[in-house]
Amino acid sequence: PAFYQQADVFVFPSRTDTFGLVLLEAMGCGL
């Protein structure tokens, strides 16, 4: 959470993930 909270944009370059839990984690922190 400390990394998500400090960052300005979460970049997710993967083209092969079925979901990407980290997307939800980042958005949960408002990123």
Full PDB file with SEQRES, HELIX, SHEET, SSBOND, CRYST1, ORIGX, SCALE, CONECT and MASTER records, all heavy atoms in Angstrom:
SEQRES   1 A   31  PRO ALA PHE TYR GLN GLN ALA ASP VAL PHE VAL PHE PRO          
SEQRES   2 A   31  SER ARG THR ASP THR PHE GLY LEU VAL LEU LEU GLU ALA          
SEQRES   3 A   31  MET GLY CYS GLY LEU                                          
HELIX    1 AA1 ALA A    2  GLN A    6  1                                   5    
HELIX    2 AA2 LEU A   21  GLY A   28  1                                   8    
CRYST1    1.000    1.000    1.000  90.00  90.00  90.00 P 1           1          
ORIGX1      1.000000  0.000000  0.000000        0.00000                         
ORIGX2      0.000000  1.000000  0.000000        0.00000                         
ORIGX3      0.000000  0.000000  1.000000        0.00000                         
SCALE1      1.000000  0.000000  0.000000        0.00000                         
SCALE2      0.000000  1.000000  0.000000        0.00000                         
SCALE3      0.000000  0.000000  1.000000        0.00000                         
ATOM      1  N   PRO A   1       0.803  -1.232   0.000  1.00  0.00           N  
ATOM      2  CA  PRO A   1       0.000   0.000   0.000  1.00  0.00           C  
ATOM      3  C   PRO A   1       0.832   1.277   0.000  1.00  0.00           C  
ATOM      4  O   PRO A   1       0.446   2.261  -0.650  1.00  0.00           O  
ATOM      5  CB  PRO A   1      -0.831  -0.133   1.278  1.00  0.00           C  
ATOM      6  CG  PRO A   1      -0.978  -1.600   1.480  1.00  0.00           C  
ATOM      7  CD  PRO A   1       0.326  -2.170   1.038  1.00  0.00           C  
ATOM      8  N   ALA A   2       1.968   1.279   0.677  1.00  0.00           N  
ATOM      9  CA  ALA A   2       2.800   2.488   0.720  1.00  0.00           C  
ATOM     10  C   ALA A   2       3.281   2.872  -0.672  1.00  0.00           C  
ATOM     11  O   ALA A   2       3.354   4.069  -1.010  1.00  0.00           O  
ATOM     12  CB  ALA A   2       3.990   2.263   1.655  1.00  0.00           C  
ATOM     13  N   PHE A   3       3.596   1.886  -1.508  1.00  0.00           N  
ATOM     14  CA  PHE A   3       4.028   2.173  -2.887  1.00  0.00           C  
ATOM     15  C   PHE A   3       2.856   2.672  -3.725  1.00  0.00           C  
ATOM     16  O   PHE A   3       2.989   3.639  -4.483  1.00  0.00           O  
ATOM     17  CB  PHE A   3       4.628   0.916  -3.518  1.00  0.00           C  
ATOM     18  CG  PHE A   3       5.969   0.534  -2.967  1.00  0.00           C  
ATOM     19  CD1 PHE A   3       6.080  -0.365  -1.921  1.00  0.00           C  
ATOM     20  CD2 PHE A   3       7.135   1.093  -3.484  1.00  0.00           C  
ATOM     21  CE1 PHE A   3       7.318  -0.722  -1.410  1.00  0.00           C  
ATOM     22  CE2 PHE A   3       8.380   0.744  -2.981  1.00  0.00           C  
ATOM     23  CZ  PHE A   3       8.471  -0.163  -1.938  1.00  0.00           C  
ATOM     24  N   TYR A   4       1.710   2.009  -3.599  1.00  0.00           N  
ATOM     25  CA  TYR A   4       0.536   2.457  -4.349  1.00  0.00           C  
ATOM     26  C   TYR A   4       0.141   3.882  -3.972  1.00  0.00           C  
ATOM     27  O   TYR A   4      -0.224   4.695  -4.829  1.00  0.00           O  
ATOM     28  CB  TYR A   4      -0.653   1.521  -4.081  1.00  0.00           C  
ATOM     29  CG  TYR A   4      -0.526   0.121  -4.629  1.00  0.00           C  
ATOM     30  CD1 TYR A   4      -0.787  -0.992  -3.833  1.00  0.00           C  
ATOM     31  CD2 TYR A   4      -0.193  -0.099  -5.961  1.00  0.00           C  
ATOM     32  CE1 TYR A   4      -0.697  -2.275  -4.329  1.00  0.00           C  
ATOM     33  CE2 TYR A   4      -0.103  -1.388  -6.474  1.00  0.00           C  
ATOM     34  CZ  TYR A   4      -0.357  -2.473  -5.646  1.00  0.00           C  
ATOM     35  OH  TYR A   4      -0.273  -3.751  -6.153  1.00  0.00           O  
ATOM     36  N   GLN A   5       0.191   4.162  -2.687  1.00  0.00           N  
ATOM     37  CA  GLN A   5      -0.230   5.485  -2.199  1.00  0.00           C  
ATOM     38  C   GLN A   5       0.705   6.598  -2.669  1.00  0.00           C  
ATOM     39  O   GLN A   5       0.264   7.716  -2.936  1.00  0.00           O  
ATOM     40  CB  GLN A   5      -0.318   5.462  -0.668  1.00  0.00           C  
ATOM     41  CG  GLN A   5      -1.440   4.586  -0.131  1.00  0.00           C  
ATOM     42  CD  GLN A   5      -1.247   4.219   1.330  1.00  0.00           C  
ATOM     43  OE1 GLN A   5      -0.232   4.565   1.953  1.00  0.00           O  
ATOM     44  NE2 GLN A   5      -2.209   3.513   1.908  1.00  0.00           N  
ATOM     45  N   GLN A   6       1.991   6.290  -2.770  1.00  0.00           N  
ATOM     46  CA  GLN A   6       2.960   7.316  -3.142  1.00  0.00           C  
ATOM     47  C   GLN A   6       2.996   7.570  -4.643  1.00  0.00           C  
ATOM     48  O   GLN A   6       3.261   8.693  -5.083  1.00  0.00           O  
ATOM     49  CB  GLN A   6       4.358   6.926  -2.654  1.00  0.00           C  
ATOM     50  CG  GLN A   6       5.395   8.030  -2.823  1.00  0.00           C  
ATOM     51  CD  GLN A   6       6.721   7.680  -2.199  1.00  0.00           C  
ATOM     52  OE1 GLN A   6       6.853   6.653  -1.515  1.00  0.00           O  
ATOM     53  NE2 GLN A   6       7.716   8.523  -2.418  1.00  0.00           N  
ATOM     54  N   ALA A   7       2.714   6.550  -5.453  1.00  0.00           N  
ATOM     55  CA  ALA A   7       2.831   6.671  -6.906  1.00  0.00           C  
ATOM     56  C   ALA A   7       1.702   7.519  -7.483  1.00  0.00           C  
ATOM     57  O   ALA A   7       0.674   7.778  -6.833  1.00  0.00           O  
ATOM     58  CB  ALA A   7       2.839   5.288  -7.533  1.00  0.00           C  
ATOM     59  N   ASP A   8       1.893   7.943  -8.737  1.00  0.00           N  
ATOM     60  CA  ASP A   8       0.888   8.757  -9.438  1.00  0.00           C  
ATOM     61  C   ASP A   8       0.095   7.943 -10.460  1.00  0.00           C  
ATOM     62  O   ASP A   8      -1.069   8.233 -10.713  1.00  0.00           O  
ATOM     63  CB  ASP A   8       1.583   9.921 -10.146  1.00  0.00           C  
ATOM     64  CG  ASP A   8       2.192  10.905  -9.162  1.00  0.00           C  
ATOM     65  OD1 ASP A   8       1.448  11.749  -8.637  1.00  0.00           O  
ATOM     66  OD2 ASP A   8       3.407  10.795  -8.909  1.00  0.00           O  
ATOM     67  N   VAL A   9       0.743   6.935 -11.071  1.00  0.00           N  
ATOM     68  CA  VAL A   9       0.064   6.083 -12.051  1.00  0.00           C  
ATOM     69  C   VAL A   9       0.561   4.651 -11.877  1.00  0.00           C  
ATOM     70  O   VAL A   9       1.769   4.434 -11.709  1.00  0.00           O  
ATOM     71  CB  VAL A   9       0.345   6.554 -13.505  1.00  0.00           C  
ATOM     72  CG1 VAL A   9      -0.251   5.566 -14.512  1.00  0.00           C  
ATOM     73  CG2 VAL A   9      -0.213   7.942 -13.743  1.00  0.00           C  
ATOM     74  N   PHE A  10      -0.378   3.719 -11.932  1.00  0.00           N  
ATOM     75  CA  PHE A  10      -0.005   2.304 -11.923  1.00  0.00           C  
ATOM     76  C   PHE A  10       0.013   1.818 -13.365  1.00  0.00           C  
ATOM     77  O   PHE A  10      -1.017   1.852 -14.061  1.00  0.00           O  
ATOM     78  CB  PHE A  10      -0.996   1.473 -11.113  1.00  0.00           C  
ATOM     79  CG  PHE A  10      -0.633   0.024 -11.048  1.00  0.00           C  
ATOM     80  CD1 PHE A  10       0.423  -0.411 -10.264  1.00  0.00           C  
ATOM     81  CD2 PHE A  10      -1.322  -0.916 -11.809  1.00  0.00           C  
ATOM     82  CE1 PHE A  10       0.779  -1.749 -10.212  1.00  0.00           C  
ATOM     83  CE2 PHE A  10      -0.969  -2.256 -11.763  1.00  0.00           C  
ATOM     84  CZ  PHE A  10       0.081  -2.669 -10.969  1.00  0.00           C  
ATOM     85  N   VAL A  11       1.175   1.377 -13.827  1.00  0.00           N  
ATOM     86  CA  VAL A  11       1.330   0.950 -15.218  1.00  0.00           C  
ATOM     87  C   VAL A  11       1.300  -0.578 -15.276  1.00  0.00           C  
ATOM     88  O   VAL A  11       2.069  -1.255 -14.581  1.00  0.00           O  
ATOM     89  CB  VAL A  11       2.652   1.476 -15.815  1.00  0.00           C  
ATOM     90  CG1 VAL A  11       2.715   1.131 -17.299  1.00  0.00           C  
ATOM     91  CG2 VAL A  11       2.759   2.981 -15.617  1.00  0.00           C  
ATOM     92  N   PHE A  12       0.401  -1.097 -16.103  1.00  0.00           N  
ATOM     93  CA  PHE A  12       0.212  -2.545 -16.214  1.00  0.00           C  
ATOM     94  C   PHE A  12       0.415  -2.936 -17.676  1.00  0.00           C  
ATOM     95  O   PHE A  12      -0.524  -2.915 -18.479  1.00  0.00           O  
ATOM     96  CB  PHE A  12      -1.200  -2.904 -15.747  1.00  0.00           C  
ATOM     97  CG  PHE A  12      -1.442  -4.367 -15.579  1.00  0.00           C  
ATOM     98  CD1 PHE A  12      -0.893  -5.073 -14.520  1.00  0.00           C  
ATOM     99  CD2 PHE A  12      -2.237  -5.060 -16.493  1.00  0.00           C  
ATOM    100  CE1 PHE A  12      -1.132  -6.438 -14.360  1.00  0.00           C  
ATOM    101  CE2 PHE A  12      -2.473  -6.420 -16.340  1.00  0.00           C  
ATOM    102  CZ  PHE A  12      -1.912  -7.103 -15.268  1.00  0.00           C  
ATOM    103  N   PRO A  13       1.654  -3.312 -18.056  1.00  0.00           N  
ATOM    104  CA  PRO A  13       1.943  -3.561 -19.471  1.00  0.00           C  
ATOM    105  C   PRO A  13       1.602  -4.966 -19.959  1.00  0.00           C  
ATOM    106  O   PRO A  13       1.727  -5.252 -21.151  1.00  0.00           O  
ATOM    107  CB  PRO A  13       3.449  -3.326 -19.542  1.00  0.00           C  
ATOM    108  CG  PRO A  13       3.950  -3.730 -18.197  1.00  0.00           C  
ATOM    109  CD  PRO A  13       2.870  -3.357 -17.228  1.00  0.00           C  
ATOM    110  N   SER A  14       1.192  -5.846 -19.073  1.00  0.00           N  
ATOM    111  CA  SER A  14       0.952  -7.234 -19.457  1.00  0.00           C  
ATOM    112  C   SER A  14      -0.186  -7.351 -20.471  1.00  0.00           C  
ATOM    113  O   SER A  14      -1.185  -6.639 -20.396  1.00  0.00           O  
ATOM    114  CB  SER A  14       0.617  -8.074 -18.221  1.00  0.00           C  
ATOM    115  OG  SER A  14       0.253  -9.384 -18.604  1.00  0.00           O  
ATOM    116  N   ARG A  15      -0.014  -8.288 -21.403  1.00  0.00           N  
ATOM    117  CA  ARG A  15      -1.056  -8.591 -22.377  1.00  0.00           C  
ATOM    118  C   ARG A  15      -1.622  -9.998 -22.189  1.00  0.00           C  
ATOM    119  O   ARG A  15      -2.457 -10.446 -22.980  1.00  0.00           O  
ATOM    120  CB  ARG A  15      -0.499  -8.477 -23.795  1.00  0.00           C  
ATOM    121  CG  ARG A  15      -0.112  -7.060 -24.220  1.00  0.00           C  
ATOM    122  CD  ARG A  15       0.493  -7.069 -25.609  1.00  0.00           C  
ATOM    123  NE  ARG A  15       0.817  -5.744 -26.101  1.00  0.00           N  
ATOM    124  CZ  ARG A  15      -0.023  -4.945 -26.764  1.00  0.00           C  
ATOM    125  NH1 ARG A  15      -1.256  -5.366 -27.009  1.00  0.00           N  
ATOM    126  NH2 ARG A  15       0.346  -3.755 -27.187  1.00  0.00           N  
ATOM    127  N   THR A  16      -1.164 -10.701 -21.146  1.00  0.00           N  
ATOM    128  CA  THR A  16      -1.529 -12.115 -21.008  1.00  0.00           C  
ATOM    129  C   THR A  16      -2.205 -12.463 -19.688  1.00  0.00           C  
ATOM    130  O   THR A  16      -2.561 -13.613 -19.475  1.00  0.00           O  
ATOM    131  CB  THR A  16      -0.273 -13.007 -21.145  1.00  0.00           C  
ATOM    132  OG1 THR A  16       0.674 -12.641 -20.138  1.00  0.00           O  
ATOM    133  CG2 THR A  16       0.355 -12.857 -22.518  1.00  0.00           C  
ATOM    134  N   ASP A  17      -2.423 -11.519 -18.793  1.00  0.00           N  
ATOM    135  CA  ASP A  17      -3.069 -11.830 -17.518  1.00  0.00           C  
ATOM    136  C   ASP A  17      -4.559 -12.053 -17.708  1.00  0.00           C  
ATOM    137  O   ASP A  17      -5.209 -11.389 -18.530  1.00  0.00           O  
ATOM    138  CB  ASP A  17      -2.844 -10.700 -16.519  1.00  0.00           C  
ATOM    139  CG  ASP A  17      -1.496 -10.799 -15.838  1.00  0.00           C  
ATOM    140  OD1 ASP A  17      -0.470 -10.659 -16.536  1.00  0.00           O  
ATOM    141  OD2 ASP A  17      -1.468 -11.046 -14.623  1.00  0.00           O  
ATOM    142  N   THR A  18      -5.110 -12.968 -16.919  1.00  0.00           N  
ATOM    143  CA  THR A  18      -6.546 -13.214 -16.990  1.00  0.00           C  
ATOM    144  C   THR A  18      -7.334 -12.171 -16.208  1.00  0.00           C  
ATOM    145  O   THR A  18      -8.503 -11.930 -16.480  1.00  0.00           O  
ATOM    146  CB  THR A  18      -6.886 -14.604 -16.425  1.00  0.00           C  
ATOM    147  OG1 THR A  18      -6.407 -14.680 -15.080  1.00  0.00           O  
ATOM    148  CG2 THR A  18      -6.254 -15.700 -17.259  1.00  0.00           C  
ATOM    149  N   PHE A  19      -6.715 -11.567 -15.206  1.00  0.00           N  
ATOM    150  CA  PHE A  19      -7.421 -10.582 -14.385  1.00  0.00           C  
ATOM    151  C   PHE A  19      -6.469  -9.466 -13.959  1.00  0.00           C  
ATOM    152  O   PHE A  19      -6.570  -8.345 -14.403  1.00  0.00           O  
ATOM    153  CB  PHE A  19      -8.038 -11.252 -13.155  1.00  0.00           C  
ATOM    154  CG  PHE A  19      -8.988 -10.358 -12.403  1.00  0.00           C  
ATOM    155  CD1 PHE A  19     -10.314 -10.315 -12.755  1.00  0.00           C  
ATOM    156  CD2 PHE A  19      -8.542  -9.580 -11.348  1.00  0.00           C  
ATOM    157  CE1 PHE A  19     -11.199  -9.485 -12.072  1.00  0.00           C  
ATOM    158  CE2 PHE A  19      -9.418  -8.751 -10.652  1.00  0.00           C  
ATOM    159  CZ  PHE A  19     -10.752  -8.700 -11.018  1.00  0.00           C  
ATOM    160  N   GLY A  20      -5.515  -9.782 -13.100  1.00  0.00           N  
ATOM    161  CA  GLY A  20      -4.593  -8.776 -12.587  1.00  0.00           C  
ATOM    162  C   GLY A  20      -5.067  -8.220 -11.263  1.00  0.00           C  
ATOM    163  O   GLY A  20      -5.632  -7.121 -11.203  1.00  0.00           O  
ATOM    164  N   LEU A  21      -4.863  -8.971 -10.170  1.00  0.00           N  
ATOM    165  CA  LEU A  21      -5.287  -8.497  -8.851  1.00  0.00           C  
ATOM    166  C   LEU A  21      -4.630  -7.181  -8.471  1.00  0.00           C  
ATOM    167  O   LEU A  21      -5.206  -6.370  -7.738  1.00  0.00           O  
ATOM    168  CB  LEU A  21      -4.963  -9.555  -7.795  1.00  0.00           C  
ATOM    169  CG  LEU A  21      -5.888 -10.763  -7.713  1.00  0.00           C  
ATOM    170  CD1 LEU A  21      -5.381 -11.733  -6.671  1.00  0.00           C  
ATOM    171  CD2 LEU A  21      -7.295 -10.330  -7.382  1.00  0.00           C  
ATOM    172  N   VAL A  22      -3.409  -6.963  -8.961  1.00  0.00           N  
ATOM    173  CA  VAL A  22      -2.713  -5.726  -8.621  1.00  0.00           C  
ATOM    174  C   VAL A  22      -3.473  -4.510  -9.130  1.00  0.00           C  
ATOM    175  O   VAL A  22      -3.332  -3.405  -8.574  1.00  0.00           O  
ATOM    176  CB  VAL A  22      -1.272  -5.750  -9.181  1.00  0.00           C  
ATOM    177  CG1 VAL A  22      -0.400  -6.690  -8.375  1.00  0.00           C  
ATOM    178  CG2 VAL A  22      -1.263  -6.113 -10.661  1.00  0.00           C  
ATOM    179  N   LEU A  23      -4.272  -4.654 -10.177  1.00  0.00           N  
ATOM    180  CA  LEU A  23      -5.092  -3.547 -10.651  1.00  0.00           C  
ATOM    181  C   LEU A  23      -6.065  -3.100  -9.572  1.00  0.00           C  
ATOM    182  O   LEU A  23      -6.226  -1.902  -9.313  1.00  0.00           O  
ATOM    183  CB  LEU A  23      -5.872  -3.965 -11.913  1.00  0.00           C  
ATOM    184  CG  LEU A  23      -5.051  -4.321 -13.157  1.00  0.00           C  
ATOM    185  CD1 LEU A  23      -5.968  -4.865 -14.240  1.00  0.00           C  
ATOM    186  CD2 LEU A  23      -4.297  -3.106 -13.666  1.00  0.00           C  
ATOM    187  N   LEU A  24      -6.720  -4.066  -8.941  1.00  0.00           N  
ATOM    188  CA  LEU A  24      -7.661  -3.742  -7.874  1.00  0.00           C  
ATOM    189  C   LEU A  24      -6.949  -3.157  -6.660  1.00  0.00           C  
ATOM    190  O   LEU A  24      -7.455  -2.235  -6.014  1.00  0.00           O  
ATOM    191  CB  LEU A  24      -8.443  -4.991  -7.468  1.00  0.00           C  
ATOM    192  CG  LEU A  24      -9.504  -5.503  -8.444  1.00  0.00           C  
ATOM    193  CD1 LEU A  24     -10.186  -6.729  -7.880  1.00  0.00           C  
ATOM    194  CD2 LEU A  24     -10.523  -4.418  -8.734  1.00  0.00           C  
ATOM    195  N   GLU A  25      -5.772  -3.718  -6.340  1.00  0.00           N  
ATOM    196  CA  GLU A  25      -5.017  -3.204  -5.194  1.00  0.00           C  
ATOM    197  C   GLU A  25      -4.634  -1.741  -5.420  1.00  0.00           C  
ATOM    198  O   GLU A  25      -4.774  -0.906  -4.517  1.00  0.00           O  
ATOM    199  CB  GLU A  25      -3.775  -4.054  -4.971  1.00  0.00           C  
ATOM    200  CG  GLU A  25      -4.077  -5.480  -4.547  1.00  0.00           C  
ATOM    201  CD  GLU A  25      -2.834  -6.353  -4.454  1.00  0.00           C  
ATOM    202  OE1 GLU A  25      -1.744  -5.875  -4.819  1.00  0.00           O  
ATOM    203  OE2 GLU A  25      -2.963  -7.514  -4.027  1.00  0.00           O  
ATOM    204  N   ALA A  26      -4.148  -1.447  -6.625  1.00  0.00           N  
ATOM    205  CA  ALA A  26      -3.774  -0.065  -6.940  1.00  0.00           C  
ATOM    206  C   ALA A  26      -4.984   0.856  -6.866  1.00  0.00           C  
ATOM    207  O   ALA A  26      -4.929   1.934  -6.234  1.00  0.00           O  
ATOM    208  CB  ALA A  26      -3.146  -0.013  -8.329  1.00  0.00           C  
ATOM    209  N   MET A  27      -6.098   0.464  -7.474  1.00  0.00           N  
ATOM    210  CA  MET A  27      -7.294   1.302  -7.469  1.00  0.00           C  
ATOM    211  C   MET A  27      -7.858   1.451  -6.061  1.00  0.00           C  
ATOM    212  O   MET A  27      -8.423   2.486  -5.712  1.00  0.00           O  
ATOM    213  CB  MET A  27      -8.336   0.723  -8.421  1.00  0.00           C  
ATOM    214  CG  MET A  27      -7.916   0.790  -9.884  1.00  0.00           C  
ATOM    215  SD  MET A  27      -9.219   0.329 -11.056  1.00  0.00           S  
ATOM    216  CE  MET A  27      -9.517  -1.370 -10.590  1.00  0.00           C  
ATOM    217  N   GLY A  28      -7.705   0.392  -5.243  1.00  0.00           N  
ATOM    218  CA  GLY A  28      -8.146   0.498  -3.864  1.00  0.00           C  
ATOM    219  C   GLY A  28      -7.425   1.608  -3.119  1.00  0.00           C  
ATOM    220  O   GLY A  28      -7.987   2.242  -2.214  1.00  0.00           O  
ATOM    221  N   CYS A  29      -6.178   1.864  -3.497  1.00  0.00           N  
ATOM    222  CA  CYS A  29      -5.390   2.945  -2.889  1.00  0.00           C  
ATOM    223  C   CYS A  29      -5.597   4.271  -3.609  1.00  0.00           C  
ATOM    224  O   CYS A  29      -4.908   5.257  -3.297  1.00  0.00           O  
ATOM    225  CB  CYS A  29      -3.911   2.576  -2.900  1.00  0.00           C  
ATOM    226  SG  CYS A  29      -3.507   1.155  -1.872  1.00  0.00           S  
ATOM    227  N   GLY A  30      -6.510   4.294  -4.574  1.00  0.00           N  
ATOM    228  CA  GLY A  30      -6.785   5.521  -5.303  1.00  0.00           C  
ATOM    229  C   GLY A  30      -5.818   5.787  -6.431  1.00  0.00           C  
ATOM    230  O   GLY A  30      -5.785   6.906  -6.970  1.00  0.00           O  
ATOM    231  N   LEU A  31      -5.027   4.792  -6.841  1.00  0.00           N  
ATOM    232  CA  LEU A  31      -4.007   4.979  -7.870  1.00  0.00           C  
ATOM    233  C   LEU A  31      -4.582   4.659  -9.252  1.00  0.00           C  
ATOM    234  O   LEU A  31      -4.985   3.527  -9.504  1.00  0.00           O  
ATOM    235  CB  LEU A  31      -2.811   4.076  -7.570  1.00  0.00           C  
ATOM    236  CG  LEU A  31      -1.625   4.144  -8.536  1.00  0.00           C  
ATOM    237  CD1 LEU A  31      -1.014   5.546  -8.557  1.00  0.00           C  
ATOM    238  CD2 LEU A  31      -0.563   3.113  -8.159  1.00  0.00           C  
TER     239      LEU A  31                                                      
MASTER        0    0    0    2    0    0    0    6  238    1    0    3          
END                                                                             
